[in-house]
Every structure is written in structure tokens, then in C-alpha cells.
Amino acid sequence: MVRFAPRYGIVSPCLSRTIRGRHVRAVNDNCEDWCGIWAEESETLDTALRMFAAHGFSAASRACDAAVIADKGGDDERSLFWLEVCRTLDRRLANDFARRMSS
């Protein structure tokens, strides 16, 4: 843990001035895809977070594997769901997978 401690007797400018323009919402790299529609994305996000908790950094490839299994089983709806989970975790991997599926 890093602790900021200014030199004794000096008031740091970062402590004396007020912080302006605070972000009300978190800024994510995929916010343009979500558009703030939490109800539609909650199952996908919940599954992605659970996958990340269980598998760590390999969660995106596990979701991609689940999309392949669902696709081979003929379940297009589940395949698209797992592709969205993979896209939530790793956009590049999901785009590569979607490109392979379409060709």
C-alpha cells in the first residue's frame, strides 16, 4: 500500500484544492457497447465475473471454449451468449472467434 505524506509543515496543492469534474460513473473501455442498459447485460456480466473469479486470466478462453461446444451442439443461442461473455472479458479474442466462425 502506498501512503502519501507531504513534508512536515507544507500543505500540498492536491490536498488544498477541491476536486472538480468527478466521474459519476466508472469509465470502461466497453461502455459504448453497454449504453447503460444494466438489465440486458446483467446475466452476461454476472457470468463473466463468476468466470473470472473461478478461472482468472484464462476465463475468456474458457468462455470461448464454451461457445465452441455450444456451437458444435447446434445451440446458437447459447453460443452467442458465451461469445458475449467472452467479449466482456476479452474483446479481441471474441472478435477473432467470431471471425473464424463466420468464415
PDB file of N, CA and C in Angstrom:
ATOM      1  N   MET A   1       0.842  -1.164   0.000  1.00  0.00           N
ATOM      2  CA  MET A   1       0.000   0.000   0.000  1.00  0.00           C
ATOM      3  C   MET A   1       0.893   1.234   0.000  1.00  0.00           C
ATOM      4  N   VAL A   2       0.547   2.202  -0.810  1.00  0.00           N
ATOM      5  CA  VAL A   2       1.292   3.453  -0.898  1.00  0.00           C
ATOM      6  C   VAL A   2       0.531   4.515  -0.133  1.00  0.00           C
ATOM      7  N   ARG A   3       1.251   5.225   0.719  1.00  0.00           N
ATOM      8  CA  ARG A   3       0.633   6.279   1.514  1.00  0.00           C
ATOM      9  C   ARG A   3       1.314   7.585   1.186  1.00  0.00           C
ATOM     10  N   PHE A   4       0.523   8.595   0.869  1.00  0.00           N
ATOM     11  CA  PHE A   4       1.069   9.910   0.561  1.00  0.00           C
ATOM     12  C   PHE A   4       1.210  10.707   1.847  1.00  0.00           C
ATOM     13  N   ALA A   5       2.403  11.201   2.090  1.00  0.00           N
ATOM     14  CA  ALA A   5       2.639  12.029   3.267  1.00  0.00           C
ATOM     15  C   ALA A   5       3.514  13.208   2.843  1.00  0.00           C
ATOM     16  N   PRO A   6       2.937  14.422   2.762  1.00  0.00           N
ATOM     17  CA  PRO A   6       3.750  15.581   2.381  1.00  0.00           C
ATOM     18  C   PRO A   6       4.745  15.926   3.488  1.00  0.00           C
ATOM     19  N   ARG A   7       5.751  16.655   3.108  1.00  0.00           N
ATOM     20  CA  ARG A   7       6.755  17.080   4.062  1.00  0.00           C
ATOM     21  C   ARG A   7       6.096  17.888   5.173  1.00  0.00           C
ATOM     22  N   TYR A   8       6.610  17.792   6.381  1.00  0.00           N
ATOM     23  CA  TYR A   8       6.027  18.460   7.535  1.00  0.00           C
ATOM     24  C   TYR A   8       5.964  19.973   7.321  1.00  0.00           C
ATOM     25  N   GLY A   9       4.783  20.545   7.584  1.00  0.00           N
ATOM     26  CA  GLY A   9       4.606  21.984   7.501  1.00  0.00           C
ATOM     27  C   GLY A   9       4.197  22.482   6.118  1.00  0.00           C
ATOM     28  N   ILE A  10       4.098  21.599   5.142  1.00  0.00           N
ATOM     29  CA  ILE A  10       3.731  22.005   3.792  1.00  0.00           C
ATOM     30  C   ILE A  10       2.350  21.438   3.470  1.00  0.00           C
ATOM     31  N   VAL A  11       1.489  22.296   2.976  1.00  0.00           N
ATOM     32  CA  VAL A  11       0.176  21.840   2.530  1.00  0.00           C
ATOM     33  C   VAL A  11       0.269  21.604   1.032  1.00  0.00           C
ATOM     34  N   SER A  12       0.071  20.373   0.640  1.00  0.00           N
ATOM     35  CA  SER A  12       0.179  20.009  -0.767  1.00  0.00           C
ATOM     36  C   SER A  12      -0.986  20.603  -1.558  1.00  0.00           C
ATOM     37  N   PRO A  13      -0.750  21.051  -2.787  1.00  0.00           N
ATOM     38  CA  PRO A  13      -1.838  21.574  -3.613  1.00  0.00           C
ATOM     39  C   PRO A  13      -2.932  20.541  -3.868  1.00  0.00           C
ATOM     40  N   CYS A  14      -2.551  19.268  -3.905  1.00  0.00           N
ATOM     41  CA  CYS A  14      -3.574  18.247  -4.152  1.00  0.00           C
ATOM     42  C   CYS A  14      -4.495  18.075  -2.952  1.00  0.00           C
ATOM     43  N   LEU A  15      -4.072  18.517  -1.774  1.00  0.00           N
ATOM     44  CA  LEU A  15      -4.921  18.421  -0.593  1.00  0.00           C
ATOM     45  C   LEU A  15      -5.716  19.696  -0.347  1.00  0.00           C
ATOM     46  N   SER A  16      -5.231  20.826  -0.872  1.00  0.00           N
ATOM     47  CA  SER A  16      -5.889  22.097  -0.568  1.00  0.00           C
ATOM     48  C   SER A  16      -6.995  22.465  -1.550  1.00  0.00           C
ATOM     49  N   ARG A  17      -6.881  22.062  -2.796  1.00  0.00           N
ATOM     50  CA  ARG A  17      -7.924  22.426  -3.760  1.00  0.00           C
ATOM     51  C   ARG A  17      -8.977  21.322  -3.873  1.00  0.00           C
ATOM     52  N   THR A  18     -10.162  21.744  -4.212  1.00  0.00           N
ATOM     53  CA  THR A  18     -11.250  20.775  -4.352  1.00  0.00           C
ATOM     54  C   THR A  18     -11.120  20.041  -5.679  1.00  0.00           C
ATOM     55  N   ILE A  19     -11.604  18.841  -5.686  1.00  0.00           N
ATOM     56  CA  ILE A  19     -11.548  18.031  -6.900  1.00  0.00           C
ATOM     57  C   ILE A  19     -12.782  18.340  -7.728  1.00  0.00           C
ATOM     58  N   ARG A  20     -12.547  18.794  -8.950  1.00  0.00           N
ATOM     59  CA  ARG A  20     -13.660  19.152  -9.838  1.00  0.00           C
ATOM     60  C   ARG A  20     -13.817  18.089 -10.918  1.00  0.00           C
ATOM     61  N   GLY A  21     -15.027  17.967 -11.398  1.00  0.00           N
ATOM     62  CA  GLY A  21     -15.289  17.065 -12.518  1.00  0.00           C
ATOM     63  C   GLY A  21     -15.162  15.599 -12.163  1.00  0.00           C
ATOM     64  N   ARG A  22     -15.600  15.237 -10.989  1.00  0.00           N
ATOM     65  CA  ARG A  22     -15.544  13.824 -10.631  1.00  0.00           C
ATOM     66  C   ARG A  22     -16.452  13.021 -11.543  1.00  0.00           C
ATOM     67  N   HIS A  23     -16.019  11.825 -11.823  1.00  0.00           N
ATOM     68  CA  HIS A  23     -16.831  10.947 -12.660  1.00  0.00           C
ATOM     69  C   HIS A  23     -17.945  10.352 -11.823  1.00  0.00           C
ATOM     70  N   VAL A  24     -19.155  10.455 -12.331  1.00  0.00           N
ATOM     71  CA  VAL A  24     -20.292   9.879 -11.634  1.00  0.00           C
ATOM     72  C   VAL A  24     -20.313   8.378 -11.848  1.00  0.00           C
ATOM     73  N   ARG A  25     -19.955   7.948 -13.040  1.00  0.00           N
ATOM     74  CA  ARG A  25     -19.921   6.527 -13.371  1.00  0.00           C
ATOM     75  C   ARG A  25     -18.490   6.123 -13.695  1.00  0.00           C
ATOM     76  N   ALA A  26     -18.235   4.843 -13.603  1.00  0.00           N
ATOM     77  CA  ALA A  26     -16.923   4.340 -13.982  1.00  0.00           C
ATOM     78  C   ALA A  26     -16.767   4.444 -15.491  1.00  0.00           C
ATOM     79  N   VAL A  27     -15.558   4.674 -15.931  1.00  0.00           N
ATOM     80  CA  VAL A  27     -15.291   4.786 -17.354  1.00  0.00           C
ATOM     81  C   VAL A  27     -14.645   3.479 -17.793  1.00  0.00           C
ATOM     82  N   ASN A  28     -15.377   2.724 -18.587  1.00  0.00           N
ATOM     83  CA  ASN A  28     -14.887   1.441 -19.071  1.00  0.00           C
ATOM     84  C   ASN A  28     -14.548   1.543 -20.554  1.00  0.00           C
ATOM     85  N   ASP A  29     -13.705   0.631 -21.011  1.00  0.00           N
ATOM     86  CA  ASP A  29     -13.368   0.642 -22.424  1.00  0.00           C
ATOM     87  C   ASP A  29     -14.493   0.091 -23.282  1.00  0.00           C
ATOM     88  N   ASN A  30     -15.480  -0.551 -22.677  1.00  0.00           N
ATOM     89  CA  ASN A  30     -16.583  -1.110 -23.450  1.00  0.00           C
ATOM     90  C   ASN A  30     -17.912  -0.441 -23.131  1.00  0.00           C
ATOM     91  N   CYS A  31     -17.884   0.794 -22.654  1.00  0.00           N
ATOM     92  CA  CYS A  31     -19.128   1.459 -22.259  1.00  0.00           C
ATOM     93  C   CYS A  31     -20.001   1.797 -23.458  1.00  0.00           C
ATOM     94  N   GLU A  32     -19.409   1.980 -24.642  1.00  0.00           N
ATOM     95  CA  GLU A  32     -20.239   2.297 -25.798  1.00  0.00           C
ATOM     96  C   GLU A  32     -21.090   1.105 -26.215  1.00  0.00           C
ATOM     97  N   ASP A  33     -20.659  -0.112 -25.881  1.00  0.00           N
ATOM     98  CA  ASP A  33     -21.451  -1.298 -26.200  1.00  0.00           C
ATOM     99  C   ASP A  33     -22.637  -1.436 -25.249  1.00  0.00           C
ATOM    100  N   TRP A  34     -22.451  -1.046 -24.005  1.00  0.00           N
ATOM    101  CA  TRP A  34     -23.481  -1.254 -22.999  1.00  0.00           C
ATOM    102  C   TRP A  34     -24.558  -0.188 -23.045  1.00  0.00           C
ATOM    103  N   CYS A  35     -24.172   1.039 -23.214  1.00  0.00           N
ATOM    104  CA  CYS A  35     -25.099   2.177 -23.255  1.00  0.00           C
ATOM    105  C   CYS A  35     -25.932   2.280 -21.984  1.00  0.00           C
ATOM    106  N   GLY A  36     -25.421   1.772 -20.892  1.00  0.00           N
ATOM    107  CA  GLY A  36     -26.109   1.914 -19.615  1.00  0.00           C
ATOM    108  C   GLY A  36     -27.320   1.032 -19.433  1.00  0.00           C
ATOM    109  N   ILE A  37     -27.509   0.030 -20.268  1.00  0.00           N
ATOM    110  CA  ILE A  37     -28.660  -0.856 -20.134  1.00  0.00           C
ATOM    111  C   ILE A  37     -28.240  -2.028 -19.249  1.00  0.00           C
ATOM    112  N   TRP A  38     -28.397  -1.870 -17.955  1.00  0.00           N
ATOM    113  CA  TRP A  38     -27.927  -2.855 -16.998  1.00  0.00           C
ATOM    114  C   TRP A  38     -28.772  -4.125 -17.018  1.00  0.00           C
ATOM    115  N   ALA A  39     -30.067  -4.019 -17.246  1.00  0.00           N
ATOM    116  CA  ALA A  39     -30.939  -5.193 -17.190  1.00  0.00           C
ATOM    117  C   ALA A  39     -30.585  -6.216 -18.263  1.00  0.00           C
ATOM    118  N   GLU A  40     -30.216  -5.758 -19.448  1.00  0.00           N
ATOM    119  CA  GLU A  40     -29.875  -6.679 -20.516  1.00  0.00           C
ATOM    120  C   GLU A  40     -28.511  -7.314 -20.305  1.00  0.00           C
ATOM    121  N   GLU A  41     -27.595  -6.588 -19.720  1.00  0.00           N
ATOM    122  CA  GLU A  41     -26.226  -7.060 -19.588  1.00  0.00           C
ATOM    123  C   GLU A  41     -25.937  -7.764 -18.265  1.00  0.00           C
ATOM    124  N   SER A  42     -26.887  -7.783 -17.348  1.00  0.00           N
ATOM    125  CA  SER A  42     -26.578  -8.280 -16.017  1.00  0.00           C
ATOM    126  C   SER A  42     -26.236  -9.768 -16.017  1.00  0.00           C
ATOM    127  N   GLU A  43     -26.924 -10.578 -16.802  1.00  0.00           N
ATOM    128  CA  GLU A  43     -26.614 -12.004 -16.826  1.00  0.00           C
ATOM    129  C   GLU A  43     -25.243 -12.249 -17.459  1.00  0.00           C
ATOM    130  N   THR A  44     -24.951 -11.537 -18.526  1.00  0.00           N
ATOM    131  CA  THR A  44     -23.656 -11.674 -19.180  1.00  0.00           C
ATOM    132  C   THR A  44     -22.535 -11.216 -18.258  1.00  0.00           C
ATOM    133  N   LEU A  45     -22.708 -10.059 -17.637  1.00  0.00           N
ATOM    134  CA  LEU A  45     -21.688  -9.536 -16.742  1.00  0.00           C
ATOM    135  C   LEU A  45     -21.522 -10.415 -15.512  1.00  0.00           C
ATOM    136  N   ASP A  46     -22.627 -10.893 -14.963  1.00  0.00           N
ATOM    137  CA  ASP A  46     -22.571 -11.769 -13.795  1.00  0.00           C
ATOM    138  C   ASP A  46     -21.799 -13.040 -14.128  1.00  0.00           C
ATOM    139  N   THR A  47     -22.095 -13.631 -15.267  1.00  0.00           N
ATOM    140  CA  THR A  47     -21.393 -14.849 -15.681  1.00  0.00           C
ATOM    141  C   THR A  47     -19.920 -14.560 -15.932  1.00  0.00           C
ATOM    142  N   ALA A  48     -19.619 -13.424 -16.559  1.00  0.00           N
ATOM    143  CA  ALA A  48     -18.224 -13.072 -16.822  1.00  0.00           C
ATOM    144  C   ALA A  48     -17.450 -12.875 -15.522  1.00  0.00           C
ATOM    145  N   LEU A  49     -18.050 -12.218 -14.555  1.00  0.00           N
ATOM    146  CA  LEU A  49     -17.366 -12.015 -13.271  1.00  0.00           C
ATOM    147  C   LEU A  49     -17.166 -13.323 -12.531  1.00  0.00           C
ATOM    148  N   ARG A  50     -18.157 -14.208 -12.598  1.00  0.00           N
ATOM    149  CA  ARG A  50     -18.007 -15.520 -11.949  1.00  0.00           C
ATOM    150  C   ARG A  50     -16.931 -16.354 -12.647  1.00  0.00           C
ATOM    151  N   MET A  51     -16.885 -16.274 -13.971  1.00  0.00           N
ATOM    152  CA  MET A  51     -15.839 -16.990 -14.714  1.00  0.00           C
ATOM    153  C   MET A  51     -14.463 -16.451 -14.350  1.00  0.00           C
ATOM    154  N   PHE A  52     -14.345 -15.130 -14.244  1.00  0.00           N
ATOM    155  CA  PHE A  52     -13.059 -14.544 -13.889  1.00  0.00           C
ATOM    156  C   PHE A  52     -12.659 -14.935 -12.470  1.00  0.00           C
ATOM    157  N   ALA A  53     -13.622 -15.004 -11.560  1.00  0.00           N
ATOM    158  CA  ALA A  53     -13.313 -15.410 -10.190  1.00  0.00           C
ATOM    159  C   ALA A  53     -12.864 -16.868 -10.133  1.00  0.00           C
ATOM    160  N   ALA A  54     -13.452 -17.701 -10.968  1.00  0.00           N
ATOM    161  CA  ALA A  54     -13.116 -19.126 -10.940  1.00  0.00           C
ATOM    162  C   ALA A  54     -11.850 -19.448 -11.725  1.00  0.00           C
ATOM    163  N   HIS A  55     -11.632 -18.777 -12.872  1.00  0.00           N
ATOM    164  CA  HIS A  55     -10.555 -19.175 -13.770  1.00  0.00           C
ATOM    165  C   HIS A  55      -9.470 -18.121 -13.957  1.00  0.00           C
ATOM    166  N   GLY A  56      -9.649 -16.948 -13.395  1.00  0.00           N
ATOM    167  CA  GLY A  56      -8.628 -15.911 -13.518  1.00  0.00           C
ATOM    168  C   GLY A  56      -8.487 -15.423 -14.946  1.00  0.00           C
ATOM    169  N   PHE A  57      -7.235 -15.245 -15.386  1.00  0.00           N
ATOM    170  CA  PHE A  57      -6.992 -14.683 -16.707  1.00  0.00           C
ATOM    171  C   PHE A  57      -7.338 -15.629 -17.846  1.00  0.00           C
ATOM    172  N   SER A  58      -7.570 -16.895 -17.567  1.00  0.00           N
ATOM    173  CA  SER A  58      -7.970 -17.833 -18.621  1.00  0.00           C
ATOM    174  C   SER A  58      -9.485 -17.897 -18.780  1.00  0.00           C
ATOM    175  N   ALA A  59     -10.220 -17.040 -18.095  1.00  0.00           N
ATOM    176  CA  ALA A  59     -11.682 -17.069 -18.153  1.00  0.00           C
ATOM    177  C   ALA A  59     -12.201 -16.779 -19.550  1.00  0.00           C
ATOM    178  N   ALA A  60     -11.569 -15.879 -20.277  1.00  0.00           N
ATOM    179  CA  ALA A  60     -12.035 -15.550 -21.625  1.00  0.00           C
ATOM    180  C   ALA A  60     -11.883 -16.741 -22.559  1.00  0.00           C
ATOM    181  N   SER A  61     -10.772 -17.446 -22.458  1.00  0.00           N
ATOM    182  CA  SER A  61     -10.600 -18.618 -23.326  1.00  0.00           C
ATOM    183  C   SER A  61     -11.547 -19.742 -22.920  1.00  0.00           C
ATOM    184  N   ARG A  62     -11.868 -19.857 -21.633  1.00  0.00           N
ATOM    185  CA  ARG A  62     -12.862 -20.850 -21.198  1.00  0.00           C
ATOM    186  C   ARG A  62     -14.240 -20.504 -21.732  1.00  0.00           C
ATOM    187  N   ALA A  63     -14.595 -19.232 -21.747  1.00  0.00           N
ATOM    188  CA  ALA A  63     -15.876 -18.814 -22.312  1.00  0.00           C
ATOM    189  C   ALA A  63     -15.905 -19.063 -23.814  1.00  0.00           C
ATOM    190  N   CYS A  64     -14.772 -18.852 -24.478  1.00  0.00           N
ATOM    191  CA  CYS A  64     -14.677 -19.131 -25.908  1.00  0.00           C
ATOM    192  C   CYS A  64     -14.835 -20.630 -26.162  1.00  0.00           C
ATOM    193  N   ASP A  65     -14.233 -21.457 -25.304  1.00  0.00           N
ATOM    194  CA  ASP A  65     -14.397 -22.908 -25.418  1.00  0.00           C
ATOM    195  C   ASP A  65     -15.856 -23.310 -25.239  1.00  0.00           C
ATOM    196  N   ALA A  66     -16.546 -22.680 -24.295  1.00  0.00           N
ATOM    197  CA  ALA A  66     -17.964 -22.971 -24.080  1.00  0.00           C
ATOM    198  C   ALA A  66     -18.791 -22.565 -25.294  1.00  0.00           C
ATOM    199  N   ALA A  67     -18.402 -21.471 -25.961  1.00  0.00           N
ATOM    200  CA  ALA A  67     -19.099 -21.053 -27.188  1.00  0.00           C
ATOM    201  C   ALA A  67     -18.886 -22.070 -28.306  1.00  0.00           C
ATOM    202  N   VAL A  68     -17.684 -22.634 -28.394  1.00  0.00           N
ATOM    203  CA  VAL A  68     -17.400 -23.658 -29.407  1.00  0.00           C
ATOM    204  C   VAL A  68     -18.230 -24.900 -29.137  1.00  0.00           C
ATOM    205  N   ILE A  69     -18.296 -25.321 -27.872  1.00  0.00           N
ATOM    206  CA  ILE A  69     -19.074 -26.507 -27.511  1.00  0.00           C
ATOM    207  C   ILE A  69     -20.548 -26.299 -27.816  1.00  0.00           C
ATOM    208  N   ALA A  70     -21.075 -25.139 -27.477  1.00  0.00           N
ATOM    209  CA  ALA A  70     -22.487 -24.845 -27.761  1.00  0.00           C
ATOM    210  C   ALA A  70     -22.746 -24.786 -29.262  1.00  0.00           C
ATOM    211  N   ASP A  71     -21.791 -24.253 -30.013  1.00  0.00           N
ATOM    212  CA  ASP A  71     -21.954 -24.169 -31.457  1.00  0.00           C
ATOM    213  C   ASP A  71     -21.934 -25.555 -32.095  1.00  0.00           C
ATOM    214  N   LYS A  72     -21.037 -26.409 -31.640  1.00  0.00           N
ATOM    215  CA  LYS A  72     -20.981 -27.774 -32.174  1.00  0.00           C
ATOM    216  C   LYS A  72     -22.218 -28.575 -31.792  1.00  0.00           C
ATOM    217  N   GLY A  73     -22.824 -28.232 -30.656  1.00  0.00           N
ATOM    218  CA  GLY A  73     -24.057 -28.886 -30.240  1.00  0.00           C
ATOM    219  C   GLY A  73     -25.290 -28.347 -30.949  1.00  0.00           C
ATOM    220  N   GLY A  74     -25.132 -27.303 -31.753  1.00  0.00           N
ATOM    221  CA  GLY A  74     -26.232 -26.732 -32.509  1.00  0.00           C
ATOM    222  C   GLY A  74     -27.069 -25.721 -31.744  1.00  0.00           C
ATOM    223  N   ASP A  75     -26.617 -25.320 -30.583  1.00  0.00           N
ATOM    224  CA  ASP A  75     -27.358 -24.349 -29.775  1.00  0.00           C
ATOM    225  C   ASP A  75     -26.813 -22.949 -30.062  1.00  0.00           C
ATOM    226  N   ASP A  76     -27.393 -22.292 -31.045  1.00  0.00           N
ATOM    227  CA  ASP A  76     -26.906 -20.973 -31.467  1.00  0.00           C
ATOM    228  C   ASP A  76     -27.105 -19.910 -30.390  1.00  0.00           C
ATOM    229  N   GLU A  77     -28.196 -20.002 -29.650  1.00  0.00           N
ATOM    230  CA  GLU A  77     -28.470 -19.004 -28.608  1.00  0.00           C
ATOM    231  C   GLU A  77     -27.416 -19.060 -27.506  1.00  0.00           C
ATOM    232  N   ARG A  78     -27.071 -20.258 -27.049  1.00  0.00           N
ATOM    233  CA  ARG A  78     -26.035 -20.389 -26.009  1.00  0.00           C
ATOM    234  C   ARG A  78     -24.664 -20.001 -26.546  1.00  0.00           C
ATOM    235  N   SER A  79     -24.424 -20.313 -27.807  1.00  0.00           N
ATOM    236  CA  SER A  79     -23.152 -19.947 -28.409  1.00  0.00           C
ATOM    237  C   SER A  79     -22.984 -18.431 -28.425  1.00  0.00           C
ATOM    238  N   LEU A  80     -24.046 -17.719 -28.797  1.00  0.00           N
ATOM    239  CA  LEU A  80     -23.990 -16.259 -28.788  1.00  0.00           C
ATOM    240  C   LEU A  80     -23.854 -15.708 -27.375  1.00  0.00           C
ATOM    241  N   PHE A  81     -24.491 -16.361 -26.404  1.00  0.00           N
ATOM    242  CA  PHE A  81     -24.355 -15.930 -25.012  1.00  0.00           C
ATOM    243  C   PHE A  81     -22.902 -16.058 -24.549  1.00  0.00           C
ATOM    244  N   TRP A  82     -22.280 -17.210 -24.825  1.00  0.00           N
ATOM    245  CA  TRP A  82     -20.894 -17.400 -24.394  1.00  0.00           C
ATOM    246  C   TRP A  82     -19.944 -16.496 -25.163  1.00  0.00           C
ATOM    247  N   LEU A  83     -20.305 -16.180 -26.394  1.00  0.00           N
ATOM    248  CA  LEU A  83     -19.496 -15.222 -27.148  1.00  0.00           C
ATOM    249  C   LEU A  83     -19.568 -13.839 -26.506  1.00  0.00           C
ATOM    250  N   GLU A  84     -20.734 -13.439 -26.013  1.00  0.00           N
ATOM    251  CA  GLU A  84     -20.871 -12.152 -25.319  1.00  0.00           C
ATOM    252  C   GLU A  84     -20.105 -12.157 -23.991  1.00  0.00           C
ATOM    253  N   VAL A  85     -20.121 -13.295 -23.296  1.00  0.00           N
ATOM    254  CA  VAL A  85     -19.335 -13.409 -22.061  1.00  0.00           C
ATOM    255  C   VAL A  85     -17.855 -13.256 -22.392  1.00  0.00           C
ATOM    256  N   CYS A  86     -17.421 -13.924 -23.451  1.00  0.00           N
ATOM    257  CA  CYS A  86     -16.031 -13.810 -23.882  1.00  0.00           C
ATOM    258  C   CYS A  86     -15.709 -12.374 -24.282  1.00  0.00           C
ATOM    259  N   ARG A  87     -16.643 -11.690 -24.958  1.00  0.00           N
ATOM    260  CA  ARG A  87     -16.436 -10.299 -25.368  1.00  0.00           C
ATOM    261  C   ARG A  87     -16.333  -9.375 -24.154  1.00  0.00           C
ATOM    262  N   THR A  88     -17.077  -9.686 -23.113  1.00  0.00           N
ATOM    263  CA  THR A  88     -16.991  -8.888 -21.888  1.00  0.00           C
ATOM    264  C   THR A  88     -15.613  -9.013 -21.260  1.00  0.00           C
ATOM    265  N   LEU A  89     -15.035 -10.204 -21.336  1.00  0.00           N
ATOM    266  CA  LEU A  89     -13.732 -10.441 -20.723  1.00  0.00           C
ATOM    267  C   LEU A  89     -12.563 -10.042 -21.629  1.00  0.00           C
ATOM    268  N   ASP A  90     -12.685 -10.361 -22.917  1.00  0.00           N
ATOM    269  CA  ASP A  90     -11.582 -10.108 -23.845  1.00  0.00           C
ATOM    270  C   ASP A  90     -12.157  -9.852 -25.235  1.00  0.00           C
ATOM    271  N   ARG A  91     -12.258  -8.596 -25.601  1.00  0.00           N
ATOM    272  CA  ARG A  91     -12.895  -8.213 -26.860  1.00  0.00           C
ATOM    273  C   ARG A  91     -12.137  -8.752 -28.070  1.00  0.00           C
ATOM    274  N   ARG A  92     -10.820  -8.712 -28.036  1.00  0.00           N
ATOM    275  CA  ARG A  92     -10.018  -9.166 -29.172  1.00  0.00           C
ATOM    276  C   ARG A  92     -10.216 -10.661 -29.426  1.00  0.00           C
ATOM    277  N   LEU A  93     -10.186 -11.466 -28.378  1.00  0.00           N
ATOM    278  CA  LEU A  93     -10.396 -12.906 -28.523  1.00  0.00           C
ATOM    279  C   LEU A  93     -11.784 -13.199 -29.083  1.00  0.00           C
ATOM    280  N   ALA A  94     -12.793 -12.479 -28.605  1.00  0.00           N
ATOM    281  CA  ALA A  94     -14.158 -12.680 -29.094  1.00  0.00           C
ATOM    282  C   ALA A  94     -14.281 -12.286 -30.558  1.00  0.00           C
ATOM    283  N   ASN A  95     -13.637 -11.206 -30.962  1.00  0.00           N
ATOM    284  CA  ASN A  95     -13.696 -10.792 -32.369  1.00  0.00           C
ATOM    285  C   ASN A  95     -12.988 -11.808 -33.272  1.00  0.00           C
ATOM    286  N   ASP A  96     -11.853 -12.334 -32.807  1.00  0.00           N
ATOM    287  CA  ASP A  96     -11.145 -13.367 -33.577  1.00  0.00           C
ATOM    288  C   ASP A  96     -12.002 -14.627 -33.702  1.00  0.00           C
ATOM    289  N   PHE A  97     -12.649 -15.007 -32.616  1.00  0.00           N
ATOM    290  CA  PHE A  97     -13.515 -16.181 -32.632  1.00  0.00           C
ATOM    291  C   PHE A  97     -14.694 -15.979 -33.571  1.00  0.00           C
ATOM    292  N   ALA A  98     -15.327 -14.820 -33.513  1.00  0.00           N
ATOM    293  CA  ALA A  98     -16.476 -14.532 -34.383  1.00  0.00           C
ATOM    294  C   ALA A  98     -16.046 -14.525 -35.843  1.00  0.00           C
ATOM    295  N   ARG A  99     -14.860 -14.016 -36.125  1.00  0.00           N
ATOM    296  CA  ARG A  99     -14.341 -14.020 -37.486  1.00  0.00           C
ATOM    297  C   ARG A  99     -14.115 -15.441 -37.989  1.00  0.00           C
ATOM    298  N   ARG A 100     -13.563 -16.313 -37.127  1.00  0.00           N
ATOM    299  CA  ARG A 100     -13.362 -17.719 -37.509  1.00  0.00           C
ATOM    300  C   ARG A 100     -14.678 -18.435 -37.740  1.00  0.00           C
ATOM    301  N   MET A 101     -15.686 -18.098 -36.925  1.00  0.00           N
ATOM    302  CA  MET A 101     -16.990 -18.751 -37.058  1.00  0.00           C
ATOM    303  C   MET A 101     -17.681 -18.343 -38.353  1.00  0.00           C
ATOM    304  N   SER A 102     -17.507 -17.106 -38.764  1.00  0.00           N
ATOM    305  CA  SER A 102     -18.198 -16.625 -39.961  1.00  0.00           C
ATOM    306  C   SER A 102     -17.548 -17.120 -41.246  1.00  0.00           C
ATOM    307  N   SER A 103     -16.283 -17.486 -41.192  1.00  0.00           N
ATOM    308  CA  SER A 103     -15.604 -17.965 -42.417  1.00  0.00           C
ATOM    309  C   SER A 103     -15.591 -19.462 -42.523  1.00  0.00           C
TER     310      SER A 103
END
